[in-house]
Amino acid sequence: MILIYESQFQKDFFEKEKKRIYVFEQPATEYFTESTFKNEMLTVTDMTAEFFRKNSDKPQQMFIDMREFRFVVSPELQVWHAKTNFTKYLEMGISQVAILVSQDFFAKISVEQSFEESIAANSITQYFEDKNEALTWLDSKL
């Protein structure tokens, strides 16, 4: 796997063979503020888009491991995320998203609502509590 992005909040990789982006949220997300959340989302999305502008392989799938995600995304940020951030991933070619949900109940609900704000994201996203089930679902879509 190729490292695309790394910060204290998340690590992102690309698996060329499966055309899949892997996102691993980090425990430091508990220190997000609205401002740092927005900044992180814009930065990672821009860096990911730049990576794929320079790379002939385009992503088709995302696996997002939210088990360590600790930030509760407000309703306003949920709308912002759906319109600003996730739209860019759809433009990159993402057609399936598997989310391994957070163990924090409130963070889990806020993340699910954030994806549900986008009809396009909602229609291609599945939520899982088991990593193997999530990866099996993505593999079945290859």
N, C-alpha and C. Protein backbone atom coordinates (compact mmCIF):
# COMPACT_ATOMS: atom_id res chain seq x y z
N MET A 1 0.84 -1.18 0.00
CA MET A 1 0.00 0.00 0.00
C MET A 1 0.88 1.24 0.00
N ILE A 2 0.36 2.27 -0.64
CA ILE A 2 1.09 3.53 -0.76
C ILE A 2 0.48 4.54 0.20
N LEU A 3 1.33 5.18 1.00
CA LEU A 3 0.87 6.21 1.92
C LEU A 3 0.48 7.45 1.12
N ILE A 4 -0.74 7.93 1.30
CA ILE A 4 -1.21 9.14 0.63
C ILE A 4 -1.12 10.33 1.56
N TYR A 5 -1.48 10.12 2.83
CA TYR A 5 -1.58 11.23 3.78
C TYR A 5 -1.41 10.69 5.18
N GLU A 6 -0.75 11.51 6.02
CA GLU A 6 -0.59 11.13 7.43
C GLU A 6 -0.56 12.38 8.29
N SER A 7 -1.34 12.35 9.37
CA SER A 7 -1.33 13.41 10.37
C SER A 7 -1.61 12.76 11.71
N GLN A 8 -1.68 13.57 12.74
CA GLN A 8 -2.01 13.01 14.06
C GLN A 8 -3.44 12.51 14.11
N PHE A 9 -4.27 12.93 13.13
CA PHE A 9 -5.69 12.58 13.13
C PHE A 9 -6.05 11.39 12.26
N GLN A 10 -5.29 11.16 11.20
CA GLN A 10 -5.60 10.03 10.32
C GLN A 10 -4.42 9.67 9.44
N LYS A 11 -4.50 8.41 8.94
CA LYS A 11 -3.52 7.90 7.98
C LYS A 11 -4.31 7.32 6.81
N ASP A 12 -3.91 7.70 5.58
CA ASP A 12 -4.60 7.25 4.38
C ASP A 12 -3.63 6.55 3.45
N PHE A 13 -4.08 5.43 2.89
CA PHE A 13 -3.26 4.63 1.99
C PHE A 13 -4.05 4.33 0.72
N PHE A 14 -3.33 3.95 -0.33
CA PHE A 14 -3.97 3.51 -1.57
C PHE A 14 -3.44 2.14 -1.92
N GLU A 15 -4.34 1.21 -2.17
CA GLU A 15 -3.99 -0.13 -2.64
C GLU A 15 -4.29 -0.17 -4.14
N LYS A 16 -3.23 -0.15 -4.91
CA LYS A 16 -3.32 -0.05 -6.37
C LYS A 16 -4.12 -1.21 -6.99
N GLU A 17 -3.84 -2.43 -6.55
CA GLU A 17 -4.47 -3.61 -7.15
C GLU A 17 -6.00 -3.58 -7.02
N LYS A 18 -6.49 -3.09 -5.89
CA LYS A 18 -7.94 -3.07 -5.67
C LYS A 18 -8.54 -1.68 -5.91
N LYS A 19 -7.69 -0.73 -6.26
CA LYS A 19 -8.13 0.65 -6.49
C LYS A 19 -8.93 1.17 -5.30
N ARG A 20 -8.34 0.94 -4.11
CA ARG A 20 -9.05 1.23 -2.86
C ARG A 20 -8.23 2.16 -1.97
N ILE A 21 -8.92 3.19 -1.45
CA ILE A 21 -8.34 4.07 -0.45
C ILE A 21 -8.70 3.52 0.92
N TYR A 22 -7.72 3.48 1.81
CA TYR A 22 -7.94 3.08 3.20
C TYR A 22 -7.71 4.30 4.08
N VAL A 23 -8.66 4.59 4.94
CA VAL A 23 -8.57 5.71 5.86
C VAL A 23 -8.63 5.15 7.28
N PHE A 24 -7.63 5.49 8.08
CA PHE A 24 -7.59 5.03 9.46
C PHE A 24 -7.60 6.25 10.38
N GLU A 25 -8.75 6.48 11.01
CA GLU A 25 -8.87 7.59 11.95
C GLU A 25 -8.08 7.28 13.21
N GLN A 26 -7.52 8.31 13.83
CA GLN A 26 -6.67 8.15 14.99
C GLN A 26 -7.35 8.71 16.25
N PRO A 27 -6.95 8.22 17.43
CA PRO A 27 -7.57 8.68 18.68
C PRO A 27 -7.46 10.19 18.92
N ALA A 28 -6.48 10.84 18.31
CA ALA A 28 -6.32 12.29 18.49
C ALA A 28 -7.51 13.08 17.98
N THR A 29 -8.43 12.42 17.25
CA THR A 29 -9.63 13.13 16.77
C THR A 29 -10.47 13.65 17.93
N GLU A 30 -10.24 13.14 19.13
CA GLU A 30 -10.99 13.66 20.28
C GLU A 30 -10.63 15.12 20.55
N TYR A 31 -9.51 15.59 20.01
CA TYR A 31 -9.08 16.97 20.22
C TYR A 31 -9.51 17.91 19.10
N PHE A 32 -10.28 17.39 18.15
CA PHE A 32 -10.80 18.25 17.08
C PHE A 32 -11.65 19.38 17.67
N THR A 33 -11.55 20.52 17.02
CA THR A 33 -12.53 21.58 17.19
C THR A 33 -13.21 21.68 15.83
N GLU A 34 -14.22 22.50 15.71
CA GLU A 34 -14.86 22.67 14.41
C GLU A 34 -13.83 23.12 13.37
N SER A 35 -12.98 24.04 13.78
CA SER A 35 -11.97 24.58 12.87
C SER A 35 -10.93 23.53 12.47
N THR A 36 -10.42 22.77 13.42
CA THR A 36 -9.40 21.76 13.08
C THR A 36 -10.01 20.62 12.26
N PHE A 37 -11.28 20.29 12.55
CA PHE A 37 -11.96 19.27 11.75
C PHE A 37 -12.04 19.71 10.29
N LYS A 38 -12.53 20.93 10.07
CA LYS A 38 -12.66 21.44 8.70
C LYS A 38 -11.29 21.49 8.01
N ASN A 39 -10.31 22.00 8.71
CA ASN A 39 -8.97 22.11 8.14
C ASN A 39 -8.41 20.74 7.77
N GLU A 40 -8.58 19.77 8.64
CA GLU A 40 -8.09 18.42 8.37
C GLU A 40 -8.80 17.81 7.17
N MET A 41 -10.12 17.95 7.11
CA MET A 41 -10.88 17.38 6.00
C MET A 41 -10.48 18.02 4.66
N LEU A 42 -10.32 19.34 4.66
CA LEU A 42 -9.91 20.02 3.43
C LEU A 42 -8.50 19.62 3.01
N THR A 43 -7.60 19.52 3.98
CA THR A 43 -6.21 19.17 3.69
C THR A 43 -6.11 17.76 3.13
N VAL A 44 -6.73 16.80 3.79
CA VAL A 44 -6.63 15.41 3.33
C VAL A 44 -7.29 15.23 1.97
N THR A 45 -8.40 15.88 1.75
CA THR A 45 -9.09 15.76 0.46
C THR A 45 -8.24 16.37 -0.65
N ASP A 46 -7.67 17.54 -0.39
CA ASP A 46 -6.82 18.18 -1.40
C ASP A 46 -5.57 17.36 -1.70
N MET A 47 -4.95 16.81 -0.66
CA MET A 47 -3.75 16.00 -0.86
C MET A 47 -4.07 14.70 -1.60
N THR A 48 -5.23 14.12 -1.30
CA THR A 48 -5.65 12.90 -1.98
C THR A 48 -5.93 13.19 -3.45
N ALA A 49 -6.63 14.29 -3.72
CA ALA A 49 -6.91 14.68 -5.11
C ALA A 49 -5.61 14.93 -5.86
N GLU A 50 -4.65 15.57 -5.23
CA GLU A 50 -3.35 15.83 -5.86
C GLU A 50 -2.62 14.52 -6.15
N PHE A 51 -2.68 13.59 -5.22
CA PHE A 51 -2.04 12.28 -5.43
C PHE A 51 -2.60 11.62 -6.69
N PHE A 52 -3.91 11.65 -6.85
CA PHE A 52 -4.53 10.97 -8.00
C PHE A 52 -4.41 11.77 -9.30
N ARG A 53 -4.19 13.07 -9.20
CA ARG A 53 -3.90 13.84 -10.42
C ARG A 53 -2.56 13.41 -11.00
N LYS A 54 -1.63 13.00 -10.14
CA LYS A 54 -0.29 12.60 -10.57
C LYS A 54 -0.19 11.11 -10.84
N ASN A 55 -1.24 10.36 -10.59
CA ASN A 55 -1.21 8.91 -10.65
C ASN A 55 -2.23 8.43 -11.68
N SER A 56 -1.83 7.49 -12.51
CA SER A 56 -2.75 7.00 -13.54
C SER A 56 -3.85 6.10 -12.97
N ASP A 57 -3.62 5.50 -11.81
CA ASP A 57 -4.63 4.66 -11.19
C ASP A 57 -5.60 5.53 -10.40
N LYS A 58 -6.88 5.30 -10.61
CA LYS A 58 -7.91 6.08 -9.93
C LYS A 58 -8.64 5.21 -8.92
N PRO A 59 -9.03 5.80 -7.79
CA PRO A 59 -9.72 5.02 -6.76
C PRO A 59 -11.16 4.73 -7.16
N GLN A 60 -11.63 3.57 -6.73
CA GLN A 60 -13.03 3.21 -6.94
C GLN A 60 -13.74 2.93 -5.61
N GLN A 61 -12.95 2.61 -4.60
CA GLN A 61 -13.53 2.23 -3.32
C GLN A 61 -12.81 2.92 -2.17
N MET A 62 -13.54 3.04 -1.05
CA MET A 62 -12.94 3.54 0.19
C MET A 62 -13.32 2.62 1.34
N PHE A 63 -12.32 2.34 2.16
CA PHE A 63 -12.54 1.65 3.43
C PHE A 63 -12.15 2.66 4.50
N ILE A 64 -13.12 3.04 5.33
CA ILE A 64 -12.85 4.05 6.37
C ILE A 64 -13.00 3.40 7.74
N ASP A 65 -11.90 3.31 8.45
CA ASP A 65 -11.90 2.71 9.79
C ASP A 65 -12.11 3.83 10.81
N MET A 66 -13.33 3.92 11.31
CA MET A 66 -13.71 4.99 12.24
C MET A 66 -13.68 4.52 13.69
N ARG A 67 -13.13 3.35 13.94
CA ARG A 67 -13.18 2.82 15.32
C ARG A 67 -12.52 3.73 16.34
N GLU A 68 -11.52 4.50 15.92
CA GLU A 68 -10.82 5.39 16.84
C GLU A 68 -11.30 6.84 16.75
N PHE A 69 -12.31 7.09 15.93
CA PHE A 69 -12.82 8.44 15.75
C PHE A 69 -13.59 8.86 16.99
N ARG A 70 -13.26 10.02 17.57
CA ARG A 70 -13.83 10.43 18.85
C ARG A 70 -14.56 11.77 18.80
N PHE A 71 -14.59 12.41 17.65
CA PHE A 71 -15.21 13.73 17.54
C PHE A 71 -16.68 13.59 17.16
N VAL A 72 -17.54 14.34 17.84
CA VAL A 72 -18.96 14.35 17.50
C VAL A 72 -19.16 15.48 16.49
N VAL A 73 -19.57 15.12 15.29
CA VAL A 73 -19.74 16.07 14.19
C VAL A 73 -21.12 16.72 14.32
N SER A 74 -21.13 18.04 14.47
CA SER A 74 -22.39 18.77 14.63
C SER A 74 -23.23 18.69 13.35
N PRO A 75 -24.53 18.93 13.45
CA PRO A 75 -25.37 18.91 12.24
C PRO A 75 -24.87 19.87 11.15
N GLU A 76 -24.38 21.04 11.53
CA GLU A 76 -23.86 21.99 10.55
C GLU A 76 -22.63 21.44 9.85
N LEU A 77 -21.75 20.81 10.62
CA LEU A 77 -20.55 20.21 10.02
C LEU A 77 -20.90 19.00 9.17
N GLN A 78 -21.95 18.29 9.53
CA GLN A 78 -22.39 17.15 8.72
C GLN A 78 -22.78 17.61 7.32
N VAL A 79 -23.52 18.69 7.24
CA VAL A 79 -23.94 19.23 5.95
C VAL A 79 -22.70 19.72 5.19
N TRP A 80 -21.83 20.44 5.88
CA TRP A 80 -20.60 20.94 5.26
C TRP A 80 -19.78 19.78 4.70
N HIS A 81 -19.60 18.73 5.49
CA HIS A 81 -18.80 17.57 5.07
C HIS A 81 -19.39 16.93 3.82
N ALA A 82 -20.70 16.76 3.81
CA ALA A 82 -21.36 16.12 2.66
C ALA A 82 -21.19 16.95 1.40
N LYS A 83 -21.33 18.26 1.51
CA LYS A 83 -21.25 19.13 0.33
C LYS A 83 -19.82 19.41 -0.11
N THR A 84 -18.94 19.59 0.84
CA THR A 84 -17.59 20.04 0.53
C THR A 84 -16.61 18.89 0.36
N ASN A 85 -16.60 18.00 1.31
CA ASN A 85 -15.56 16.98 1.35
C ASN A 85 -15.92 15.74 0.55
N PHE A 86 -17.06 15.16 0.84
CA PHE A 86 -17.37 13.88 0.21
C PHE A 86 -17.60 14.02 -1.28
N THR A 87 -18.11 15.14 -1.71
CA THR A 87 -18.33 15.38 -3.14
C THR A 87 -17.03 15.23 -3.92
N LYS A 88 -15.93 15.66 -3.33
CA LYS A 88 -14.63 15.55 -4.02
C LYS A 88 -14.23 14.09 -4.22
N TYR A 89 -14.54 13.25 -3.26
CA TYR A 89 -14.21 11.82 -3.41
C TYR A 89 -15.06 11.19 -4.51
N LEU A 90 -16.31 11.60 -4.61
CA LEU A 90 -17.16 11.10 -5.68
C LEU A 90 -16.59 11.52 -7.04
N GLU A 91 -16.11 12.75 -7.11
CA GLU A 91 -15.51 13.25 -8.35
C GLU A 91 -14.24 12.49 -8.71
N MET A 92 -13.54 11.97 -7.71
CA MET A 92 -12.33 11.17 -7.97
C MET A 92 -12.67 9.79 -8.51
N GLY A 93 -13.92 9.34 -8.37
CA GLY A 93 -14.33 8.05 -8.91
C GLY A 93 -14.78 7.03 -7.89
N ILE A 94 -14.88 7.42 -6.63
CA ILE A 94 -15.31 6.48 -5.60
C ILE A 94 -16.76 6.05 -5.85
N SER A 95 -16.97 4.72 -5.87
CA SER A 95 -18.33 4.21 -6.11
C SER A 95 -18.82 3.27 -5.01
N GLN A 96 -17.95 2.89 -4.08
CA GLN A 96 -18.36 2.10 -2.91
C GLN A 96 -17.56 2.57 -1.70
N VAL A 97 -18.26 2.69 -0.57
CA VAL A 97 -17.61 3.10 0.68
C VAL A 97 -18.05 2.15 1.78
N ALA A 98 -17.09 1.55 2.45
CA ALA A 98 -17.36 0.71 3.62
C ALA A 98 -16.81 1.45 4.84
N ILE A 99 -17.67 1.66 5.82
CA ILE A 99 -17.26 2.36 7.03
C ILE A 99 -17.32 1.41 8.20
N LEU A 100 -16.18 1.23 8.84
CA LEU A 100 -16.09 0.48 10.09
C LEU A 100 -16.38 1.48 11.19
N VAL A 101 -17.52 1.36 11.85
CA VAL A 101 -18.04 2.41 12.71
C VAL A 101 -17.28 2.58 14.01
N SER A 102 -17.38 3.81 14.52
CA SER A 102 -16.75 4.18 15.79
C SER A 102 -17.39 3.42 16.93
N GLN A 103 -16.60 3.18 17.96
CA GLN A 103 -17.14 2.53 19.16
C GLN A 103 -17.82 3.55 20.06
N ASP A 104 -17.54 4.84 19.83
CA ASP A 104 -18.18 5.91 20.57
C ASP A 104 -19.56 6.14 19.96
N PHE A 105 -20.62 5.91 20.73
CA PHE A 105 -21.99 5.97 20.21
C PHE A 105 -22.29 7.30 19.53
N PHE A 106 -21.97 8.42 20.18
CA PHE A 106 -22.31 9.73 19.64
C PHE A 106 -21.49 10.05 18.39
N ALA A 107 -20.23 9.67 18.39
CA ALA A 107 -19.40 9.87 17.19
C ALA A 107 -19.93 9.01 16.05
N LYS A 108 -20.33 7.78 16.36
CA LYS A 108 -20.88 6.87 15.34
C LYS A 108 -22.11 7.47 14.68
N ILE A 109 -23.04 7.94 15.48
CA ILE A 109 -24.28 8.52 14.95
C ILE A 109 -23.98 9.76 14.12
N SER A 110 -23.09 10.61 14.61
CA SER A 110 -22.80 11.84 13.87
C SER A 110 -22.13 11.56 12.54
N VAL A 111 -21.29 10.54 12.48
CA VAL A 111 -20.64 10.17 11.21
C VAL A 111 -21.67 9.62 10.24
N GLU A 112 -22.54 8.73 10.71
CA GLU A 112 -23.58 8.17 9.84
C GLU A 112 -24.48 9.28 9.30
N GLN A 113 -24.86 10.22 10.14
CA GLN A 113 -25.70 11.33 9.70
C GLN A 113 -24.96 12.20 8.69
N SER A 114 -23.67 12.34 8.87
CA SER A 114 -22.87 13.14 7.96
C SER A 114 -22.89 12.55 6.55
N PHE A 115 -22.80 11.23 6.43
CA PHE A 115 -22.86 10.59 5.12
C PHE A 115 -24.28 10.60 4.57
N GLU A 116 -25.26 10.52 5.46
CA GLU A 116 -26.65 10.52 5.01
C GLU A 116 -27.08 11.88 4.48
N GLU A 117 -26.34 12.93 4.80
CA GLU A 117 -26.64 14.26 4.28
C GLU A 117 -26.47 14.31 2.76
N SER A 118 -25.63 13.46 2.23
CA SER A 118 -25.41 13.41 0.78
C SER A 118 -26.14 12.20 0.22
N ILE A 119 -27.10 12.44 -0.63
CA ILE A 119 -27.86 11.34 -1.23
C ILE A 119 -26.93 10.40 -1.99
N ALA A 120 -25.98 10.98 -2.73
CA ALA A 120 -25.03 10.15 -3.48
C ALA A 120 -24.18 9.31 -2.54
N ALA A 121 -23.67 9.91 -1.47
CA ALA A 121 -22.85 9.17 -0.51
C ALA A 121 -23.68 8.10 0.19
N ASN A 122 -24.89 8.45 0.56
CA ASN A 122 -25.76 7.51 1.26
C ASN A 122 -26.04 6.28 0.42
N SER A 123 -26.17 6.44 -0.88
CA SER A 123 -26.52 5.32 -1.75
C SER A 123 -25.35 4.37 -2.01
N ILE A 124 -24.13 4.78 -1.75
CA ILE A 124 -22.97 3.92 -2.03
C ILE A 124 -22.24 3.50 -0.76
N THR A 125 -22.78 3.85 0.40
CA THR A 125 -22.09 3.62 1.68
C THR A 125 -22.78 2.53 2.49
N GLN A 126 -21.96 1.64 3.04
CA GLN A 126 -22.44 0.61 3.96
C GLN A 126 -21.67 0.73 5.26
N TYR A 127 -22.32 0.44 6.38
CA TYR A 127 -21.71 0.54 7.70
C TYR A 127 -21.52 -0.86 8.27
N PHE A 128 -20.38 -1.04 8.94
CA PHE A 128 -20.03 -2.35 9.48
C PHE A 128 -19.44 -2.22 10.87
N GLU A 129 -19.60 -3.27 11.65
CA GLU A 129 -18.96 -3.35 12.96
C GLU A 129 -17.79 -4.33 12.91
N ASP A 130 -17.72 -5.11 11.84
CA ASP A 130 -16.68 -6.12 11.67
C ASP A 130 -15.82 -5.78 10.44
N LYS A 131 -14.52 -5.70 10.65
CA LYS A 131 -13.59 -5.33 9.58
C LYS A 131 -13.64 -6.32 8.42
N ASN A 132 -13.65 -7.61 8.72
CA ASN A 132 -13.66 -8.62 7.66
C ASN A 132 -14.93 -8.54 6.81
N GLU A 133 -16.06 -8.28 7.45
CA GLU A 133 -17.30 -8.13 6.69
C GLU A 133 -17.24 -6.92 5.76
N ALA A 134 -16.66 -5.84 6.24
CA ALA A 134 -16.53 -4.63 5.42
C ALA A 134 -15.65 -4.89 4.21
N LEU A 135 -14.52 -5.52 4.42
CA LEU A 135 -13.59 -5.79 3.32
C LEU A 135 -14.17 -6.83 2.35
N THR A 136 -14.89 -7.80 2.87
CA THR A 136 -15.54 -8.79 2.01
C THR A 136 -16.58 -8.12 1.13
N TRP A 137 -17.34 -7.20 1.70
CA TRP A 137 -18.34 -6.48 0.91
C TRP A 137 -17.67 -5.69 -0.22
N LEU A 138 -16.59 -4.98 0.12
CA LEU A 138 -15.88 -4.23 -0.93
C LEU A 138 -15.31 -5.17 -2.00
N ASP A 139 -14.71 -6.28 -1.57
CA ASP A 139 -14.15 -7.24 -2.53
C ASP A 139 -15.23 -7.78 -3.47
N SER A 140 -16.44 -7.93 -2.96
CA SER A 140 -17.53 -8.46 -3.79
C SER A 140 -17.96 -7.47 -4.88
N LYS A 141 -17.55 -6.22 -4.73
CA LYS A 141 -17.93 -5.18 -5.69
C LYS A 141 -16.85 -4.96 -6.76
N LEU A 142 -15.72 -5.64 -6.62
CA LEU A 142 -14.62 -5.47 -7.59
C LEU A 142 -15.00 -6.02 -8.96
